[in-house]
Amino acid sequence: MDLSVNYLGIKLKSPVVVGSSGLTFSIDRLKQIEQAGAGAVVLKSIFEEEIQHEFNHILEQESRMDEANLEYLDYYDFKIKEDNINRYIDFIKEAKKTISIPVIASINCRTSHEWAFFAKKLQDAGADALEINLFTLPSDFSLTAEDVEKSYIEIITRVKEQVTIPVAAKISYHFANLAAFAKRLSQTGIDGIVMFNRFFQPDFDIEQFKVVPTNVLSNPSDAAITLRWMSIFYGRIDCNLIASTGIHDGSTVIKEILAGADAVQVVSTLYKNGVGYIATMLEELQEWMEKHNFNTLDDFRGKMSQKNSPNPAEYERVQFMKYFQDKKYDLD
């Protein structure tokens, strides 16, 4: 039984990749992840927004002091970035010495400013690939959909100009025309698209009057979004397709590969069930393959994609009309 996959041009021993999270920023945890059977790990992201927040805090403090001190702000800007990057580089080097599965660095960025240069440093540290986590909330009333998409393309293009290792873009599904954008993104020379990222969702504490996070972990039902778009993209996008969000068990891994995924990323299910659950997911996959006489993942990849479906319209239905038409409800 061969569970190996091609992930961004790298051969992995299994299709289960542990996504960027707190789980992948501990050397001891990385050892456990490898032992459980993961094909690769994506290290916890280095956040542009976090670095900018740190600089803004210093800027606020310095602005209250004598103006002569403001000449040091450029130094602070450089020093904060350098310190964060160097810590990340050190962790990449330590991870590469400790585990044998591919180590993928991750940048969570909103602009192309300097991140192409930083990407080169991560490559030089030994990262096997780079994942760029892209999401800007489309809340700027002055920007068009084309402006937002252009910024994403610019980031990818600049990074690709600086590095030779494989690069993946982790994106959301919040685009005016997701299919057209994914196609355009894949034509930049990107090696893979990860579908989809999770982002901070606010809730209100009505007693403390604070904004608090909600839905931090994914739910199994979240996989339905990825499943639909994976099915539609398979065979039409010019790069690897990686499923992410809502993948909580072996059966969902199977579904995503049937839809066309080259591999899957998991995080939330490991927080709920422990890192060792990777082995359980792979066992479920193997048992299902044996049952259906599949020897490799290529034997069934894309089997249930829109491209290979006798009824392609099923994947684009957006209304519940048929579902509710077939059911009777007592509303009294």
Protein backbone atom coordinates (compact mmCIF):
# COMPACT_ATOMS: atom_id res chain seq x y z
CA MET A 1 0.00 0.00 0.00
CA ASP A 2 1.60 3.24 -1.19
CA LEU A 3 0.45 6.41 0.60
CA SER A 4 3.15 8.66 -0.85
CA VAL A 5 2.22 11.92 -2.56
CA ASN A 6 3.81 14.72 -4.55
CA TYR A 7 3.56 17.89 -2.47
CA LEU A 8 4.90 21.02 -4.18
CA GLY A 9 7.34 18.82 -6.09
CA ILE A 10 8.51 17.07 -2.90
CA LYS A 11 7.76 13.40 -2.32
CA LEU A 12 6.05 12.82 1.03
CA LYS A 13 5.51 9.46 2.72
CA SER A 14 1.86 10.28 3.45
CA PRO A 15 -0.78 12.83 2.40
CA VAL A 16 -1.33 14.19 5.92
CA VAL A 17 0.58 17.40 6.56
CA VAL A 18 0.37 19.21 9.89
CA GLY A 19 -0.55 22.82 9.22
CA SER A 20 0.91 25.98 10.70
CA SER A 21 -0.01 26.23 14.38
CA GLY A 22 1.30 26.18 17.91
CA LEU A 23 1.73 22.43 17.48
CA THR A 24 4.53 22.99 14.98
CA PHE A 25 6.61 25.42 17.04
CA SER A 26 7.97 22.86 19.47
CA ILE A 27 10.85 20.51 18.66
CA ASP A 28 9.44 17.79 20.93
CA ARG A 29 6.06 18.09 19.19
CA LEU A 30 7.71 17.89 15.76
CA LYS A 31 9.27 14.57 16.78
CA GLN A 32 5.85 13.25 17.77
CA ILE A 33 4.32 14.47 14.52
CA GLU A 34 6.95 12.64 12.47
CA GLN A 35 6.56 9.47 14.54
CA ALA A 36 2.77 9.52 14.03
CA GLY A 37 3.23 9.35 10.26
CA ALA A 38 2.82 12.91 8.98
CA GLY A 39 4.27 13.57 5.54
CA ALA A 40 5.52 17.07 6.39
CA VAL A 41 5.09 19.96 8.80
CA VAL A 42 4.34 23.61 8.22
CA LEU A 43 5.99 25.60 10.97
CA LYS A 44 4.02 28.17 12.94
CA SER A 45 3.78 31.33 10.86
CA ILE A 46 5.87 34.41 11.38
CA PHE A 47 3.32 37.23 11.28
CA GLU A 48 3.92 40.53 9.50
CA GLU A 49 1.02 41.99 11.49
CA GLU A 50 2.57 40.92 14.80
CA ILE A 51 5.91 42.50 13.95
CA GLN A 52 4.18 45.69 12.85
CA HIS A 53 2.22 45.78 16.11
CA GLU A 54 5.44 45.51 18.09
CA PHE A 55 6.96 48.39 16.13
CA ASN A 56 3.83 50.52 16.52
CA HIS A 57 4.04 50.08 20.29
CA ILE A 58 7.58 51.42 20.31
CA LEU A 59 6.59 54.19 17.93
CA GLU A 60 3.85 55.26 20.32
CA GLN A 61 6.28 55.39 23.22
CA GLU A 62 8.99 57.23 21.29
CA SER A 63 6.60 59.82 19.89
CA ARG A 64 6.03 61.09 23.41
CA MET A 65 9.73 61.78 23.86
CA ASP A 66 12.00 64.45 22.45
CA GLU A 67 11.86 64.61 18.66
CA ALA A 68 15.60 64.02 18.50
CA ASN A 69 14.96 60.42 19.53
CA LEU A 70 12.79 59.79 16.48
CA GLU A 71 15.88 59.26 14.34
CA TYR A 72 16.20 55.88 16.05
CA LEU A 73 12.87 54.64 14.73
CA ASP A 74 14.40 53.23 11.56
CA TYR A 75 16.79 51.28 13.76
CA TYR A 76 13.94 49.93 15.89
CA ASP A 77 12.05 48.92 12.75
CA PHE A 78 15.06 47.02 11.45
CA LYS A 79 15.96 45.50 14.83
CA ILE A 80 12.47 44.15 15.56
CA LYS A 81 12.24 42.50 12.17
CA GLU A 82 15.76 41.12 12.40
CA ASP A 83 15.18 39.63 15.87
CA ASN A 84 11.92 37.94 14.83
CA ILE A 85 13.41 36.56 11.62
CA ASN A 86 16.55 35.31 13.38
CA ARG A 87 14.51 33.45 16.01
CA TYR A 88 12.53 31.83 13.23
CA ILE A 89 15.67 30.95 11.28
CA ASP A 90 17.18 29.30 14.36
CA PHE A 91 14.05 27.21 14.81
CA ILE A 92 14.12 26.09 11.16
CA LYS A 93 17.73 24.98 11.54
CA GLU A 94 16.96 23.07 14.73
CA ALA A 95 13.91 21.42 13.14
CA LYS A 96 15.94 20.31 10.13
CA LYS A 97 18.53 18.72 12.42
CA THR A 98 15.86 16.91 14.43
CA ILE A 99 13.34 15.46 11.97
CA SER A 100 13.68 13.90 8.53
CA ILE A 101 10.29 14.83 7.02
CA PRO A 102 10.13 18.10 5.02
CA VAL A 103 10.00 21.33 7.00
CA ILE A 104 7.91 24.08 5.43
CA ALA A 105 8.34 27.66 6.64
CA SER A 106 5.30 29.91 6.81
CA ILE A 107 4.85 33.66 6.42
CA ASN A 108 1.56 35.34 7.26
CA CYS A 109 1.69 38.56 5.30
CA ARG A 110 -0.49 41.40 4.06
CA THR A 111 1.98 43.28 1.86
CA SER A 112 4.96 42.52 -0.36
CA HIS A 113 7.14 45.01 1.57
CA GLU A 114 10.42 43.25 2.47
CA TRP A 115 8.84 39.80 2.71
CA ALA A 116 10.51 38.60 -0.47
CA PHE A 117 13.86 39.38 1.14
CA PHE A 118 12.87 37.53 4.33
CA ALA A 119 11.71 34.54 2.27
CA LYS A 120 15.24 34.20 0.88
CA LYS A 121 16.59 34.07 4.45
CA LEU A 122 14.17 31.25 5.34
CA GLN A 123 15.29 29.33 2.28
CA ASP A 124 18.93 29.79 3.26
CA ALA A 125 18.10 28.48 6.74
CA GLY A 126 17.16 25.14 5.17
CA ALA A 127 13.38 25.26 4.74
CA ASP A 128 12.26 22.69 2.17
CA ALA A 129 9.40 24.90 0.99
CA LEU A 130 7.57 28.08 1.87
CA GLU A 131 3.88 28.65 2.55
CA ILE A 132 2.57 32.20 2.25
CA ASN A 133 -0.60 32.66 4.25
CA LEU A 134 -2.56 35.39 2.50
CA PHE A 135 -5.65 37.09 3.80
CA THR A 136 -6.66 40.70 3.92
CA LEU A 137 -10.18 41.32 5.13
CA PRO A 138 -11.98 43.05 2.23
CA SER A 139 -13.17 45.87 4.48
CA ASP A 140 -11.47 48.83 2.77
CA PHE A 141 -14.28 50.64 0.97
CA SER A 142 -11.80 52.37 -1.32
CA LEU A 143 -10.41 49.13 -2.81
CA THR A 144 -11.92 47.16 -5.66
CA ALA A 145 -11.87 43.38 -5.93
CA GLU A 146 -9.23 43.77 -8.60
CA ASP A 147 -7.05 45.82 -6.21
CA VAL A 148 -7.16 43.08 -3.57
CA GLU A 149 -6.36 40.32 -6.03
CA LYS A 150 -3.53 42.35 -7.51
CA SER A 151 -1.91 42.68 -4.06
CA TYR A 152 -1.94 38.90 -3.63
CA ILE A 153 -0.37 38.35 -7.05
CA GLU A 154 2.29 40.96 -6.28
CA ILE A 155 3.32 39.22 -3.04
CA ILE A 156 3.58 35.84 -4.73
CA THR A 157 5.49 37.21 -7.72
CA ARG A 158 8.06 39.02 -5.57
CA VAL A 159 8.65 36.00 -3.37
CA LYS A 160 9.02 33.68 -6.36
CA GLU A 161 11.66 36.00 -7.78
CA GLN A 162 13.77 35.59 -4.64
CA VAL A 163 13.61 31.86 -3.87
CA THR A 164 14.12 28.58 -5.67
CA ILE A 165 12.36 26.33 -3.15
CA PRO A 166 8.68 25.47 -3.77
CA VAL A 167 6.14 28.10 -2.73
CA ALA A 168 2.49 27.55 -1.79
CA ALA A 169 -0.19 30.18 -1.23
CA LYS A 170 -2.75 29.60 1.51
CA ILE A 171 -5.84 31.58 0.60
CA SER A 172 -9.43 32.15 1.69
CA TYR A 173 -12.56 31.61 -0.39
CA HIS A 174 -13.63 35.26 -0.08
CA PHE A 175 -13.15 36.40 -3.67
CA ALA A 176 -15.57 37.88 -6.17
CA ASN A 177 -14.74 35.05 -8.57
CA LEU A 178 -12.73 32.43 -6.71
CA ALA A 179 -12.29 30.15 -9.73
CA ALA A 180 -10.87 32.88 -11.95
CA PHE A 181 -8.58 34.15 -9.19
CA ALA A 182 -7.25 30.67 -8.36
CA LYS A 183 -6.53 30.09 -12.04
CA ARG A 184 -4.69 33.41 -12.28
CA LEU A 185 -2.76 32.67 -9.09
CA SER A 186 -1.70 29.25 -10.34
CA GLN A 187 -0.25 30.86 -13.47
CA THR A 188 2.25 32.95 -11.46
CA GLY A 189 4.48 29.89 -11.14
CA ILE A 190 3.20 29.07 -7.65
CA ASP A 191 3.71 25.40 -6.74
CA GLY A 192 0.52 24.90 -4.74
CA ILE A 193 -2.66 26.46 -3.39
CA VAL A 194 -3.80 25.55 0.13
CA MET A 195 -7.60 25.71 0.49
CA PHE A 196 -8.48 27.40 2.83
CA ASN A 197 -7.05 29.41 5.70
CA ARG A 198 -8.81 30.20 8.96
CA PHE A 199 -8.72 33.67 10.39
CA PHE A 200 -9.70 35.50 13.54
CA GLN A 201 -13.48 35.67 13.98
CA PRO A 202 -14.76 38.15 16.57
CA ASP A 203 -17.46 37.70 19.17
CA PHE A 204 -18.63 40.04 21.92
CA ASP A 205 -18.33 39.54 25.66
CA ILE A 206 -21.54 41.37 26.60
CA GLU A 207 -20.57 41.62 30.29
CA GLN A 208 -17.01 42.89 29.91
CA PHE A 209 -17.70 44.75 26.64
CA LYS A 210 -14.72 43.19 24.95
CA VAL A 211 -14.09 41.68 21.55
CA VAL A 212 -13.15 38.02 22.02
CA PRO A 213 -12.27 35.25 19.56
CA THR A 214 -14.76 32.57 18.57
CA ASN A 215 -14.65 29.41 16.43
CA VAL A 216 -10.90 29.16 16.91
CA LEU A 217 -10.88 25.49 15.91
CA SER A 218 -12.54 24.18 12.79
CA ASN A 219 -15.56 21.87 12.77
CA PRO A 220 -15.98 18.79 10.56
CA SER A 221 -18.75 20.61 8.67
CA ASP A 222 -16.20 23.21 7.49
CA ALA A 223 -14.77 20.62 5.10
CA ALA A 224 -17.83 20.99 2.86
CA ILE A 225 -16.55 24.31 1.50
CA THR A 226 -13.16 22.88 0.60
CA LEU A 227 -14.74 19.74 -0.84
CA ARG A 228 -16.87 21.72 -3.28
CA TRP A 229 -14.05 23.94 -4.53
CA MET A 230 -11.53 21.10 -4.64
CA SER A 231 -13.94 19.18 -6.85
CA ILE A 232 -14.37 22.19 -9.15
CA PHE A 233 -10.66 23.06 -9.34
CA TYR A 234 -9.31 19.56 -9.99
CA GLY A 235 -7.82 19.28 -13.48
CA ARG A 236 -8.30 23.00 -14.14
CA ILE A 237 -5.70 24.65 -11.90
CA ASP A 238 -2.02 24.65 -12.88
CA CYS A 239 -0.46 23.66 -9.54
CA ASN A 240 -0.86 21.31 -6.58
CA LEU A 241 -4.10 21.58 -4.60
CA ILE A 242 -3.99 21.04 -0.84
CA ALA A 243 -7.13 20.73 1.27
CA SER A 244 -7.29 22.44 4.66
CA THR A 245 -10.00 23.26 7.23
CA GLY A 246 -12.49 20.79 8.68
CA ILE A 247 -10.42 17.66 8.05
CA HIS A 248 -10.99 15.79 11.30
CA ASP A 249 -10.80 12.08 10.39
CA GLY A 250 -9.66 9.54 7.83
CA SER A 251 -12.94 9.57 5.92
CA THR A 252 -12.57 13.30 5.23
CA VAL A 253 -9.01 12.71 3.99
CA ILE A 254 -10.48 10.17 1.58
CA LYS A 255 -13.20 12.57 0.44
CA GLU A 256 -10.73 15.38 -0.26
CA ILE A 257 -8.52 13.08 -2.34
CA LEU A 258 -11.58 11.81 -4.22
CA ALA A 259 -12.33 15.47 -4.95
CA GLY A 260 -8.80 15.96 -6.30
CA ALA A 261 -6.55 17.00 -3.41
CA ASP A 262 -2.87 16.19 -3.70
CA ALA A 263 -2.61 16.26 0.10
CA VAL A 264 -4.38 17.60 3.19
CA GLN A 265 -3.45 19.79 6.13
CA VAL A 266 -4.74 19.10 9.63
CA VAL A 267 -4.57 21.09 12.86
CA SER A 268 -7.83 21.31 14.84
CA THR A 269 -8.36 17.55 15.06
CA LEU A 270 -4.88 17.21 16.59
CA TYR A 271 -5.71 19.78 19.25
CA LYS A 272 -8.84 17.75 20.03
CA ASN A 273 -7.45 14.22 19.74
CA GLY A 274 -3.69 14.55 20.14
CA VAL A 275 -0.87 14.38 17.61
CA GLY A 276 -0.99 10.56 17.65
CA TYR A 277 -4.36 10.75 15.90
CA ILE A 278 -2.48 11.16 12.61
CA ALA A 279 -1.75 7.43 12.74
CA THR A 280 -5.46 6.67 13.21
CA MET A 281 -6.37 8.78 10.18
CA LEU A 282 -3.80 6.99 8.05
CA GLU A 283 -5.05 3.60 9.24
CA GLU A 284 -8.59 4.56 8.19
CA LEU A 285 -7.26 5.59 4.79
CA GLN A 286 -5.35 2.33 4.33
CA GLU A 287 -8.30 0.16 5.38
CA TRP A 288 -10.59 1.96 2.94
CA MET A 289 -8.06 1.59 0.11
CA GLU A 290 -7.73 -2.14 0.77
CA LYS A 291 -11.50 -2.51 0.81
CA HIS A 292 -11.82 -0.85 -2.60
CA ASN A 293 -8.66 -2.39 -4.12
CA PHE A 294 -6.73 0.85 -4.51
CA ASN A 295 -2.95 0.52 -4.28
CA THR A 296 -1.99 4.18 -4.58
CA LEU A 297 -3.69 7.52 -3.98
CA ASP A 298 -3.46 8.27 -7.70
CA ASP A 299 -5.82 5.33 -8.27
CA PHE A 300 -8.73 7.35 -6.90
CA ARG A 301 -7.57 10.97 -6.84
CA GLY A 302 -10.17 13.16 -8.57
CA LYS A 303 -12.54 10.24 -9.09
CA MET A 304 -15.43 12.31 -7.74
CA SER A 305 -14.33 15.71 -9.05
CA GLN A 306 -16.63 17.85 -11.15
CA LYS A 307 -14.46 17.14 -14.17
CA ASN A 308 -15.10 13.40 -13.86
CA SER A 309 -18.72 13.63 -12.74
CA PRO A 310 -21.64 12.49 -14.94
CA ASN A 311 -23.64 15.36 -13.42
CA PRO A 312 -21.29 18.39 -13.07
CA ALA A 313 -24.15 20.71 -12.12
CA GLU A 314 -24.37 19.02 -8.69
CA TYR A 315 -21.19 20.81 -7.63
CA GLU A 316 -22.57 24.26 -8.43
CA ARG A 317 -26.01 24.03 -6.87
CA VAL A 318 -26.36 26.80 -4.32
CA GLN A 319 -29.99 26.55 -3.25
CA PHE A 320 -31.66 24.06 -0.89
CA MET A 321 -34.82 23.78 -3.00
CA LYS A 322 -34.51 20.07 -3.77
CA TYR A 323 -33.46 19.21 -0.22
CA PHE A 324 -36.47 20.84 1.40
CA GLN A 325 -38.79 19.67 -1.38
CA ASP A 326 -38.00 16.08 -0.46
CA LYS A 327 -38.67 16.54 3.25
CA LYS A 328 -41.82 17.25 5.24
CA TYR A 329 -41.77 19.29 8.40
CA ASP A 330 -44.41 19.74 11.05
CA LEU A 331 -44.20 23.44 11.84
CA ASP A 332 -47.04 23.43 14.39
